[in-house]
């Protein structure tokens, strides 16, 4: 669990994904289009991926993509898309200094 917390706090935006997940790809693309350069942890390519995925589930973060902004869990794809639609995702990224506008 400490590994998730440590990784999630190393950059302003962090996304835990799987390389074969289409929603993960969509969320990564959204962040790039907003000008963010998130830390991407593809759990199926990470040596500790299974352990990290278990820790995410144990903390109640559910499945990938698991998105953290400013070290705080934001949610999964549905949550991030909702934040984007209501306009608050961009502000969250700005507040965390993941993007500058």
N, C-alpha and C. Protein backbone atom coordinates (compact mmCIF):
# COMPACT_ATOMS: atom_id res chain seq x y z
N UNK A 1 0.82 -1.19 0.00
CA UNK A 1 0.00 0.00 0.00
C UNK A 1 0.86 1.25 0.00
N UNK A 2 2.00 1.17 0.67
CA UNK A 2 2.91 2.32 0.66
C UNK A 2 3.43 2.57 -0.74
N UNK A 3 3.59 1.50 -1.53
CA UNK A 3 4.08 1.66 -2.90
C UNK A 3 3.11 2.50 -3.72
N UNK A 4 1.83 2.28 -3.57
CA UNK A 4 0.82 3.06 -4.30
C UNK A 4 0.90 4.51 -3.87
N UNK A 5 0.94 4.76 -2.59
CA UNK A 5 1.00 6.13 -2.06
C UNK A 5 2.27 6.82 -2.54
N UNK A 6 3.40 6.12 -2.51
CA UNK A 6 4.66 6.71 -2.95
C UNK A 6 4.63 7.05 -4.43
N UNK A 7 4.18 6.11 -5.26
CA UNK A 7 4.11 6.35 -6.69
C UNK A 7 3.12 7.46 -7.03
N UNK A 8 2.00 7.49 -6.32
CA UNK A 8 0.95 8.47 -6.60
C UNK A 8 1.38 9.89 -6.23
N UNK A 9 2.36 10.03 -5.38
CA UNK A 9 2.77 11.36 -4.95
C UNK A 9 4.05 11.85 -5.64
N UNK A 10 4.62 11.05 -6.52
CA UNK A 10 5.88 11.45 -7.17
C UNK A 10 5.71 12.48 -8.27
N UNK A 11 4.54 12.54 -8.88
CA UNK A 11 4.25 13.52 -9.92
C UNK A 11 2.89 14.14 -9.67
N UNK A 12 2.64 15.27 -10.32
CA UNK A 12 1.36 15.96 -10.12
C UNK A 12 0.18 15.13 -10.60
N UNK A 13 0.38 14.34 -11.65
CA UNK A 13 -0.69 13.46 -12.18
C UNK A 13 -0.10 12.07 -12.39
N UNK A 14 -0.79 11.07 -11.88
CA UNK A 14 -0.33 9.68 -11.98
C UNK A 14 -1.51 8.81 -12.39
N UNK A 15 -1.27 7.93 -13.36
CA UNK A 15 -2.33 7.04 -13.83
C UNK A 15 -1.80 5.61 -13.80
N UNK A 16 -2.50 4.73 -13.08
CA UNK A 16 -2.20 3.31 -13.09
C UNK A 16 -3.08 2.67 -14.15
N UNK A 17 -2.47 1.96 -15.09
CA UNK A 17 -3.19 1.43 -16.25
C UNK A 17 -2.79 0.00 -16.56
N UNK A 18 -3.42 -0.52 -17.59
CA UNK A 18 -3.02 -1.77 -18.25
C UNK A 18 -2.90 -1.43 -19.72
N UNK A 19 -1.91 -1.97 -20.38
CA UNK A 19 -1.65 -1.61 -21.77
C UNK A 19 -2.78 -2.02 -22.71
N UNK A 20 -3.55 -3.02 -22.35
CA UNK A 20 -4.62 -3.52 -23.23
C UNK A 20 -5.99 -2.89 -22.93
N UNK A 21 -6.04 -1.96 -21.99
CA UNK A 21 -7.31 -1.37 -21.55
C UNK A 21 -7.64 -0.15 -22.41
N UNK A 22 -8.77 -0.21 -23.13
CA UNK A 22 -9.15 0.90 -24.01
C UNK A 22 -9.53 2.15 -23.21
N UNK A 23 -10.15 2.00 -22.05
CA UNK A 23 -10.49 3.16 -21.24
C UNK A 23 -9.23 3.82 -20.68
N UNK A 24 -8.24 3.01 -20.35
CA UNK A 24 -6.96 3.55 -19.89
C UNK A 24 -6.34 4.41 -20.98
N UNK A 25 -6.38 3.91 -22.21
CA UNK A 25 -5.84 4.65 -23.34
C UNK A 25 -6.59 5.98 -23.51
N UNK A 26 -7.90 5.95 -23.37
CA UNK A 26 -8.71 7.16 -23.51
C UNK A 26 -8.36 8.20 -22.44
N UNK A 27 -8.17 7.76 -21.23
CA UNK A 27 -7.84 8.69 -20.13
C UNK A 27 -6.44 9.27 -20.34
N UNK A 28 -5.49 8.43 -20.74
CA UNK A 28 -4.14 8.95 -21.02
C UNK A 28 -4.20 9.99 -22.13
N UNK A 29 -4.95 9.71 -23.18
CA UNK A 29 -5.08 10.64 -24.30
C UNK A 29 -5.71 11.95 -23.85
N UNK A 30 -6.73 11.87 -23.01
CA UNK A 30 -7.37 13.08 -22.48
C UNK A 30 -6.35 13.94 -21.74
N UNK A 31 -5.56 13.33 -20.88
CA UNK A 31 -4.56 14.08 -20.11
C UNK A 31 -3.55 14.74 -21.05
N UNK A 32 -3.08 13.99 -22.05
CA UNK A 32 -2.13 14.56 -23.00
C UNK A 32 -2.75 15.73 -23.76
N UNK A 33 -4.01 15.59 -24.16
CA UNK A 33 -4.68 16.67 -24.89
C UNK A 33 -4.88 17.92 -24.03
N UNK A 34 -5.00 17.73 -22.73
CA UNK A 34 -5.11 18.87 -21.81
C UNK A 34 -3.75 19.50 -21.51
N UNK A 35 -2.69 18.87 -21.99
CA UNK A 35 -1.34 19.41 -21.79
C UNK A 35 -0.59 18.82 -20.62
N UNK A 36 -1.16 17.82 -19.98
CA UNK A 36 -0.50 17.18 -18.84
C UNK A 36 0.44 16.08 -19.34
N UNK A 37 1.43 15.80 -18.54
CA UNK A 37 2.35 14.71 -18.83
C UNK A 37 2.38 13.80 -17.60
N UNK A 38 1.34 12.98 -17.45
CA UNK A 38 1.23 12.18 -16.23
C UNK A 38 2.25 11.05 -16.18
N UNK A 39 2.56 10.62 -14.97
CA UNK A 39 3.35 9.40 -14.80
C UNK A 39 2.40 8.24 -15.09
N UNK A 40 2.79 7.38 -15.98
CA UNK A 40 1.96 6.23 -16.36
C UNK A 40 2.62 4.97 -15.82
N UNK A 41 1.86 4.20 -15.08
CA UNK A 41 2.35 2.93 -14.55
C UNK A 41 1.49 1.82 -15.15
N UNK A 42 2.01 1.18 -16.18
CA UNK A 42 1.27 0.08 -16.83
C UNK A 42 1.53 -1.18 -16.03
N UNK A 43 0.53 -1.61 -15.30
CA UNK A 43 0.69 -2.68 -14.33
C UNK A 43 1.01 -4.02 -14.97
N UNK A 44 0.60 -4.22 -16.22
CA UNK A 44 0.93 -5.49 -16.87
C UNK A 44 2.36 -5.50 -17.39
N UNK A 45 3.06 -4.38 -17.34
CA UNK A 45 4.46 -4.32 -17.76
C UNK A 45 5.40 -4.04 -16.60
N UNK A 46 4.86 -3.78 -15.43
CA UNK A 46 5.64 -3.46 -14.24
C UNK A 46 5.93 -4.75 -13.47
N UNK A 47 7.17 -4.90 -13.03
CA UNK A 47 7.55 -6.09 -12.26
C UNK A 47 6.71 -6.25 -11.00
N UNK A 48 6.29 -5.14 -10.41
CA UNK A 48 5.48 -5.17 -9.20
C UNK A 48 4.01 -4.91 -9.50
N UNK A 49 3.61 -5.05 -10.75
CA UNK A 49 2.27 -4.70 -11.18
C UNK A 49 1.16 -5.42 -10.43
N UNK A 50 1.31 -6.71 -10.23
CA UNK A 50 0.26 -7.46 -9.52
C UNK A 50 0.12 -7.00 -8.08
N UNK A 51 1.26 -6.75 -7.46
CA UNK A 51 1.25 -6.27 -6.07
C UNK A 51 0.59 -4.89 -5.99
N UNK A 52 0.92 -4.02 -6.92
CA UNK A 52 0.33 -2.68 -6.94
C UNK A 52 -1.17 -2.76 -7.19
N UNK A 53 -1.58 -3.63 -8.12
CA UNK A 53 -3.01 -3.78 -8.41
C UNK A 53 -3.77 -4.30 -7.20
N UNK A 54 -3.19 -5.24 -6.48
CA UNK A 54 -3.82 -5.74 -5.25
C UNK A 54 -3.94 -4.62 -4.21
N UNK A 55 -2.89 -3.81 -4.10
CA UNK A 55 -2.91 -2.71 -3.14
C UNK A 55 -3.97 -1.68 -3.52
N UNK A 56 -4.12 -1.40 -4.82
CA UNK A 56 -5.16 -0.47 -5.27
C UNK A 56 -6.54 -0.98 -4.87
N UNK A 57 -6.78 -2.27 -5.11
CA UNK A 57 -8.08 -2.85 -4.75
C UNK A 57 -8.29 -2.85 -3.24
N UNK A 58 -7.23 -3.18 -2.49
CA UNK A 58 -7.34 -3.23 -1.03
C UNK A 58 -7.68 -1.86 -0.45
N UNK A 59 -7.23 -0.80 -1.10
CA UNK A 59 -7.52 0.55 -0.63
C UNK A 59 -8.86 1.06 -1.15
N UNK A 60 -9.57 0.22 -1.90
CA UNK A 60 -10.88 0.59 -2.39
C UNK A 60 -10.86 1.41 -3.67
N UNK A 61 -9.74 1.40 -4.39
CA UNK A 61 -9.62 2.19 -5.61
C UNK A 61 -10.13 1.46 -6.84
N UNK A 62 -10.51 0.22 -6.70
CA UNK A 62 -11.12 -0.51 -7.82
C UNK A 62 -10.15 -0.84 -8.93
N UNK A 63 -10.67 -0.78 -10.13
CA UNK A 63 -9.91 -1.23 -11.29
C UNK A 63 -9.20 -0.08 -11.98
N UNK A 64 -8.40 -0.42 -12.97
CA UNK A 64 -7.71 0.59 -13.76
C UNK A 64 -8.65 1.16 -14.80
N UNK A 65 -8.46 2.38 -15.23
CA UNK A 65 -7.41 3.27 -14.77
C UNK A 65 -7.70 3.83 -13.38
N UNK A 66 -6.67 3.92 -12.58
CA UNK A 66 -6.77 4.57 -11.27
C UNK A 66 -5.98 5.86 -11.38
N UNK A 67 -6.66 6.98 -11.23
CA UNK A 67 -6.07 8.30 -11.49
C UNK A 67 -5.87 9.06 -10.19
N UNK A 68 -4.67 9.61 -10.04
CA UNK A 68 -4.32 10.43 -8.89
C UNK A 68 -3.87 11.79 -9.40
N UNK A 69 -4.35 12.84 -8.77
CA UNK A 69 -3.92 14.19 -9.10
C UNK A 69 -3.51 14.87 -7.80
N UNK A 70 -2.31 15.39 -7.78
CA UNK A 70 -1.81 16.01 -6.56
C UNK A 70 -1.70 15.04 -5.40
N UNK A 71 -1.43 13.77 -5.72
CA UNK A 71 -1.30 12.74 -4.69
C UNK A 71 -2.61 12.22 -4.14
N UNK A 72 -3.73 12.73 -4.65
CA UNK A 72 -5.05 12.34 -4.16
C UNK A 72 -5.77 11.51 -5.21
N UNK A 73 -6.41 10.44 -4.77
CA UNK A 73 -7.16 9.59 -5.69
C UNK A 73 -8.36 10.36 -6.23
N UNK A 74 -8.46 10.40 -7.55
CA UNK A 74 -9.56 11.11 -8.22
C UNK A 74 -10.65 10.14 -8.65
N UNK A 75 -10.25 8.96 -9.09
CA UNK A 75 -11.22 7.97 -9.49
C UNK A 75 -10.77 7.19 -10.70
N UNK A 76 -11.74 6.53 -11.29
CA UNK A 76 -11.51 5.71 -12.48
C UNK A 76 -11.95 6.50 -13.71
N UNK A 77 -12.07 5.83 -14.83
CA UNK A 77 -12.40 6.50 -16.10
C UNK A 77 -13.70 7.28 -16.00
N UNK A 78 -14.72 6.67 -15.44
CA UNK A 78 -16.04 7.33 -15.33
C UNK A 78 -15.93 8.62 -14.54
N UNK A 79 -15.20 8.59 -13.45
CA UNK A 79 -15.05 9.77 -12.59
C UNK A 79 -14.27 10.88 -13.31
N UNK A 80 -13.20 10.50 -13.98
CA UNK A 80 -12.37 11.49 -14.68
C UNK A 80 -13.15 12.13 -15.82
N UNK A 81 -13.90 11.33 -16.55
CA UNK A 81 -14.70 11.87 -17.66
C UNK A 81 -15.77 12.83 -17.11
N UNK A 82 -16.39 12.48 -15.99
CA UNK A 82 -17.38 13.36 -15.37
C UNK A 82 -16.74 14.69 -14.95
N UNK A 83 -15.54 14.62 -14.39
CA UNK A 83 -14.83 15.84 -14.00
C UNK A 83 -14.49 16.69 -15.22
N UNK A 84 -14.13 16.03 -16.31
CA UNK A 84 -13.81 16.76 -17.53
C UNK A 84 -15.05 17.44 -18.10
N UNK A 85 -16.17 16.73 -18.12
CA UNK A 85 -17.41 17.27 -18.66
C UNK A 85 -17.88 18.48 -17.85
N UNK A 86 -17.75 18.41 -16.53
CA UNK A 86 -18.22 19.55 -15.72
C UNK A 86 -17.17 20.66 -15.59
N UNK A 87 -16.01 20.46 -16.22
CA UNK A 87 -14.99 21.51 -16.27
C UNK A 87 -14.02 21.55 -15.11
N UNK A 88 -14.15 20.65 -14.15
CA UNK A 88 -13.28 20.73 -12.97
C UNK A 88 -11.96 19.97 -13.13
N UNK A 89 -11.84 19.08 -14.08
CA UNK A 89 -10.59 18.33 -14.26
C UNK A 89 -9.44 19.26 -14.59
N UNK A 90 -9.66 20.17 -15.52
CA UNK A 90 -8.60 21.10 -15.92
C UNK A 90 -8.13 21.92 -14.73
N UNK A 91 -9.07 22.40 -13.92
CA UNK A 91 -8.70 23.19 -12.74
C UNK A 91 -7.93 22.34 -11.74
N UNK A 92 -8.33 21.09 -11.56
CA UNK A 92 -7.60 20.20 -10.65
C UNK A 92 -6.16 20.02 -11.12
N UNK A 93 -5.98 19.85 -12.43
CA UNK A 93 -4.63 19.69 -12.99
C UNK A 93 -3.83 20.98 -12.82
N UNK A 94 -4.47 22.12 -12.97
CA UNK A 94 -3.78 23.40 -12.78
C UNK A 94 -3.40 23.58 -11.30
N UNK A 95 -4.31 23.27 -10.40
CA UNK A 95 -4.03 23.41 -8.97
C UNK A 95 -2.87 22.51 -8.53
N UNK A 96 -2.75 21.33 -9.15
CA UNK A 96 -1.67 20.40 -8.82
C UNK A 96 -0.39 20.71 -9.58
N UNK A 97 -0.45 21.72 -10.43
CA UNK A 97 0.68 22.14 -11.27
C UNK A 97 1.08 21.07 -12.28
N UNK A 98 0.07 20.31 -12.75
CA UNK A 98 0.29 19.34 -13.81
C UNK A 98 0.19 20.00 -15.17
N UNK A 99 -0.52 21.14 -15.22
CA UNK A 99 -0.60 21.96 -16.43
C UNK A 99 -0.56 23.43 -16.02
N UNK A 100 -0.19 24.28 -16.96
CA UNK A 100 -0.13 25.73 -16.70
C UNK A 100 -0.91 26.43 -17.79
N UNK A 101 -1.88 27.23 -17.39
CA UNK A 101 -2.65 28.02 -18.34
C UNK A 101 -2.92 29.39 -17.79
